[in-house]
């Protein structure tokens, strides 16, 4: 079974594509992230940092 693919968006607006816990593409544009979400069913989730 393959790990799920997801996109995270950080508080600073950076989008990253992951497979499981492995980052695949850093610095996706917002348009590309939403295009992947709509066409491929990729989930976009917020990433929070605890300081």
PDB file of N, CA and C in Angstrom:
ATOM      1  N   UNK A   1       0.838  -1.188   0.000  1.00  0.00           N
ATOM      2  CA  UNK A   1       0.000   0.000   0.000  1.00  0.00           C
ATOM      3  C   UNK A   1       0.883   1.252   0.000  1.00  0.00           C
ATOM      4  N   UNK A   2       0.513   2.231  -0.808  1.00  0.00           N
ATOM      5  CA  UNK A   2       1.304   3.452  -0.894  1.00  0.00           C
ATOM      6  C   UNK A   2       0.892   4.446   0.181  1.00  0.00           C
ATOM      7  N   UNK A   3       1.860   5.263   0.572  1.00  0.00           N
ATOM      8  CA  UNK A   3       1.573   6.345   1.518  1.00  0.00           C
ATOM      9  C   UNK A   3       0.702   7.392   0.832  1.00  0.00           C
ATOM     10  N   UNK A   4      -0.162   8.054   1.590  1.00  0.00           N
ATOM     11  CA  UNK A   4      -1.011   9.088   0.990  1.00  0.00           C
ATOM     12  C   UNK A   4      -0.199  10.316   0.573  1.00  0.00           C
ATOM     13  N   UNK A   5      -0.678  10.980  -0.454  1.00  0.00           N
ATOM     14  CA  UNK A   5      -0.067  12.219  -0.933  1.00  0.00           C
ATOM     15  C   UNK A   5      -0.870  13.374  -0.358  1.00  0.00           C
ATOM     16  N   UNK A   6      -0.163  14.396   0.126  1.00  0.00           N
ATOM     17  CA  UNK A   6      -0.838  15.553   0.715  1.00  0.00           C
ATOM     18  C   UNK A   6       0.014  16.785   0.472  1.00  0.00           C
ATOM     19  N   UNK A   7      -0.609  17.934   0.636  1.00  0.00           N
ATOM     20  CA  UNK A   7       0.083  19.215   0.524  1.00  0.00           C
ATOM     21  C   UNK A   7      -0.098  19.941   1.839  1.00  0.00           C
ATOM     22  N   UNK A   8       0.987  20.479   2.361  1.00  0.00           N
ATOM     23  CA  UNK A   8       0.869  21.310   3.558  1.00  0.00           C
ATOM     24  C   UNK A   8       1.132  22.756   3.178  1.00  0.00           C
ATOM     25  N   UNK A   9       0.457  23.647   3.896  1.00  0.00           N
ATOM     26  CA  UNK A   9       0.713  25.078   3.729  1.00  0.00           C
ATOM     27  C   UNK A   9       1.139  25.611   5.085  1.00  0.00           C
ATOM     28  N   UNK A  10       2.285  26.251   5.099  1.00  0.00           N
ATOM     29  CA  UNK A  10       2.841  26.798   6.342  1.00  0.00           C
ATOM     30  C   UNK A  10       2.260  28.182   6.601  1.00  0.00           C
ATOM     31  N   UNK A  11       2.396  28.675   7.823  1.00  0.00           N
ATOM     32  CA  UNK A  11       1.875  30.019   8.136  1.00  0.00           C
ATOM     33  C   UNK A  11       2.431  31.126   7.237  1.00  0.00           C
ATOM     34  N   UNK A  12       3.647  30.914   6.689  1.00  0.00           N
ATOM     35  CA  UNK A  12       4.227  31.937   5.807  1.00  0.00           C
ATOM     36  C   UNK A  12       3.757  31.793   4.353  1.00  0.00           C
ATOM     37  N   UNK A  13       2.859  30.835   4.103  1.00  0.00           N
ATOM     38  CA  UNK A  13       2.275  30.678   2.778  1.00  0.00           C
ATOM     39  C   UNK A  13       2.996  29.723   1.848  1.00  0.00           C
ATOM     40  N   UNK A  14       4.007  29.007   2.342  1.00  0.00           N
ATOM     41  CA  UNK A  14       4.735  28.055   1.497  1.00  0.00           C
ATOM     42  C   UNK A  14       3.986  26.724   1.430  1.00  0.00           C
ATOM     43  N   UNK A  15       3.874  26.182   0.219  1.00  0.00           N
ATOM     44  CA  UNK A  15       3.203  24.901  -0.008  1.00  0.00           C
ATOM     45  C   UNK A  15       4.253  23.839  -0.294  1.00  0.00           C
ATOM     46  N   UNK A  16       4.081  22.644   0.304  1.00  0.00           N
ATOM     47  CA  UNK A  16       4.997  21.524   0.088  1.00  0.00           C
ATOM     48  C   UNK A  16       4.187  20.266  -0.172  1.00  0.00           C
ATOM     49  N   UNK A  17       4.585  19.496  -1.190  1.00  0.00           N
ATOM     50  CA  UNK A  17       3.941  18.230  -1.519  1.00  0.00           C
ATOM     51  C   UNK A  17       4.678  17.102  -0.811  1.00  0.00           C
ATOM     52  N   UNK A  18       3.939  16.232  -0.131  1.00  0.00           N
ATOM     53  CA  UNK A  18       4.501  15.096   0.606  1.00  0.00           C
ATOM     54  C   UNK A  18       3.889  13.792   0.124  1.00  0.00           C
ATOM     55  N   UNK A  19       4.667  12.717   0.200  1.00  0.00           N
ATOM     56  CA  UNK A  19       4.139  11.354   0.128  1.00  0.00           C
ATOM     57  C   UNK A  19       4.461  10.747   1.477  1.00  0.00           C
ATOM     58  N   UNK A  20       3.441  10.479   2.264  1.00  0.00           N
ATOM     59  CA  UNK A  20       3.662  10.058   3.644  1.00  0.00           C
ATOM     60  C   UNK A  20       4.329  11.188   4.394  1.00  0.00           C
ATOM     61  N   UNK A  21       5.482  10.916   4.982  1.00  0.00           N
ATOM     62  CA  UNK A  21       6.232  11.947   5.709  1.00  0.00           C
ATOM     63  C   UNK A  21       7.415  12.482   4.901  1.00  0.00           C
ATOM     64  N   UNK A  22       7.537  12.047   3.644  1.00  0.00           N
ATOM     65  CA  UNK A  22       8.664  12.442   2.805  1.00  0.00           C
ATOM     66  C   UNK A  22       8.291  13.629   1.918  1.00  0.00           C
ATOM     67  N   UNK A  23       8.981  14.761   2.062  1.00  0.00           N
ATOM     68  CA  UNK A  23       8.699  15.897   1.181  1.00  0.00           C
ATOM     69  C   UNK A  23       9.181  15.602  -0.240  1.00  0.00           C
ATOM     70  N   UNK A  24       8.330  15.883  -1.218  1.00  0.00           N
ATOM     71  CA  UNK A  24       8.679  15.638  -2.617  1.00  0.00           C
ATOM     72  C   UNK A  24       8.962  16.927  -3.377  1.00  0.00           C
ATOM     73  N   UNK A  25       8.120  17.939  -3.185  1.00  0.00           N
ATOM     74  CA  UNK A  25       8.288  19.209  -3.892  1.00  0.00           C
ATOM     75  C   UNK A  25       8.089  20.349  -2.908  1.00  0.00           C
ATOM     76  N   UNK A  26       9.123  21.173  -2.769  1.00  0.00           N
ATOM     77  CA  UNK A  26       9.043  22.369  -1.929  1.00  0.00           C
ATOM     78  C   UNK A  26       8.666  23.560  -2.804  1.00  0.00           C
ATOM     79  N   UNK A  27       8.007  24.536  -2.222  1.00  0.00           N
ATOM     80  CA  UNK A  27       7.767  25.804  -2.899  1.00  0.00           C
ATOM     81  C   UNK A  27       6.750  25.764  -4.014  1.00  0.00           C
ATOM     82  N   UNK A  28       5.736  24.901  -3.885  1.00  0.00           N
ATOM     83  CA  UNK A  28       4.659  24.922  -4.873  1.00  0.00           C
ATOM     84  C   UNK A  28       3.962  26.275  -4.843  1.00  0.00           C
ATOM     85  N   UNK A  29       3.526  26.729  -5.987  1.00  0.00           N
ATOM     86  CA  UNK A  29       2.711  27.947  -6.004  1.00  0.00           C
ATOM     87  C   UNK A  29       1.318  27.606  -5.479  1.00  0.00           C
ATOM     88  N   UNK A  30       0.622  28.616  -5.034  1.00  0.00           N
ATOM     89  CA  UNK A  30      -0.742  28.406  -4.531  1.00  0.00           C
ATOM     90  C   UNK A  30      -1.620  27.832  -5.640  1.00  0.00           C
ATOM     91  N   UNK A  31      -1.479  28.360  -6.853  1.00  0.00           N
ATOM     92  CA  UNK A  31      -2.275  27.879  -7.983  1.00  0.00           C
ATOM     93  C   UNK A  31      -2.001  26.412  -8.283  1.00  0.00           C
ATOM     94  N   UNK A  32      -0.736  26.008  -8.254  1.00  0.00           N
ATOM     95  CA  UNK A  32      -0.385  24.613  -8.515  1.00  0.00           C
ATOM     96  C   UNK A  32      -0.922  23.707  -7.414  1.00  0.00           C
ATOM     97  N   UNK A  33      -0.815  24.142  -6.168  1.00  0.00           N
ATOM     98  CA  UNK A  33      -1.316  23.348  -5.046  1.00  0.00           C
ATOM     99  C   UNK A  33      -2.815  23.110  -5.176  1.00  0.00           C
ATOM    100  N   UNK A  34      -3.563  24.163  -5.492  1.00  0.00           N
ATOM    101  CA  UNK A  34      -5.011  24.015  -5.621  1.00  0.00           C
ATOM    102  C   UNK A  34      -5.382  23.219  -6.868  1.00  0.00           C
ATOM    103  N   UNK A  35      -4.599  23.339  -7.928  1.00  0.00           N
ATOM    104  CA  UNK A  35      -4.838  22.548  -9.131  1.00  0.00           C
ATOM    105  C   UNK A  35      -4.661  21.059  -8.844  1.00  0.00           C
ATOM    106  N   UNK A  36      -3.600  20.695  -8.113  1.00  0.00           N
ATOM    107  CA  UNK A  36      -3.391  19.296  -7.725  1.00  0.00           C
ATOM    108  C   UNK A  36      -4.522  18.796  -6.834  1.00  0.00           C
ATOM    109  N   UNK A  37      -4.939  19.636  -5.909  1.00  0.00           N
ATOM    110  CA  UNK A  37      -6.014  19.250  -4.999  1.00  0.00           C
ATOM    111  C   UNK A  37      -7.303  18.965  -5.768  1.00  0.00           C
ATOM    112  N   UNK A  38      -7.624  19.811  -6.722  1.00  0.00           N
ATOM    113  CA  UNK A  38      -8.864  19.650  -7.481  1.00  0.00           C
ATOM    114  C   UNK A  38      -8.796  18.496  -8.471  1.00  0.00           C
ATOM    115  N   UNK A  39      -7.707  18.379  -9.205  1.00  0.00           N
ATOM    116  CA  UNK A  39      -7.639  17.385 -10.274  1.00  0.00           C
ATOM    117  C   UNK A  39      -7.244  15.994  -9.794  1.00  0.00           C
ATOM    118  N   UNK A  40      -6.453  15.911  -8.722  1.00  0.00           N
ATOM    119  CA  UNK A  40      -5.941  14.612  -8.270  1.00  0.00           C
ATOM    120  C   UNK A  40      -6.471  14.193  -6.906  1.00  0.00           C
ATOM    121  N   UNK A  41      -7.282  15.027  -6.297  1.00  0.00           N
ATOM    122  CA  UNK A  41      -7.825  14.677  -4.987  1.00  0.00           C
ATOM    123  C   UNK A  41      -6.805  14.747  -3.863  1.00  0.00           C
ATOM    124  N   UNK A  42      -5.774  15.558  -4.039  1.00  0.00           N
ATOM    125  CA  UNK A  42      -4.754  15.712  -3.000  1.00  0.00           C
ATOM    126  C   UNK A  42      -5.296  16.625  -1.900  1.00  0.00           C
ATOM    127  N   UNK A  43      -5.085  16.239  -0.663  1.00  0.00           N
ATOM    128  CA  UNK A  43      -5.563  17.011   0.482  1.00  0.00           C
ATOM    129  C   UNK A  43      -4.571  18.123   0.805  1.00  0.00           C
ATOM    130  N   UNK A  44      -5.089  19.317   1.077  1.00  0.00           N
ATOM    131  CA  UNK A  44      -4.261  20.430   1.541  1.00  0.00           C
ATOM    132  C   UNK A  44      -4.543  20.624   3.019  1.00  0.00           C
ATOM    133  N   UNK A  45      -3.489  20.607   3.820  1.00  0.00           N
ATOM    134  CA  UNK A  45      -3.664  20.804   5.261  1.00  0.00           C
ATOM    135  C   UNK A  45      -2.709  21.875   5.757  1.00  0.00           C
ATOM    136  N   UNK A  46      -3.110  22.526   6.813  1.00  0.00           N
ATOM    137  CA  UNK A  46      -2.255  23.562   7.409  1.00  0.00           C
ATOM    138  C   UNK A  46      -1.192  22.917   8.279  1.00  0.00           C
ATOM    139  N   UNK A  47       0.008  23.455   8.196  1.00  0.00           N
ATOM    140  CA  UNK A  47       1.106  23.015   9.057  1.00  0.00           C
ATOM    141  C   UNK A  47       1.318  24.097  10.109  1.00  0.00           C
ATOM    142  N   UNK A  48       1.339  23.694  11.344  1.00  0.00           N
ATOM    143  CA  UNK A  48       1.525  24.636  12.447  1.00  0.00           C
ATOM    144  C   UNK A  48       2.892  24.425  13.058  1.00  0.00           C
ATOM    145  N   UNK A  49       3.508  25.487  13.466  1.00  0.00           N
ATOM    146  CA  UNK A  49       4.773  25.367  14.182  1.00  0.00           C
ATOM    147  C   UNK A  49       4.554  25.815  15.617  1.00  0.00           C
ATOM    148  N   UNK A  50       5.152  25.084  16.524  1.00  0.00           N
ATOM    149  CA  UNK A  50       5.057  25.417  17.946  1.00  0.00           C
ATOM    150  C   UNK A  50       6.378  26.036  18.353  1.00  0.00           C
ATOM    151  N   UNK A  51       6.332  27.259  18.791  1.00  0.00           N
ATOM    152  CA  UNK A  51       7.562  27.964  19.186  1.00  0.00           C
ATOM    153  C   UNK A  51       7.703  27.976  20.686  1.00  0.00           C
TER     154      UNK A  51
END
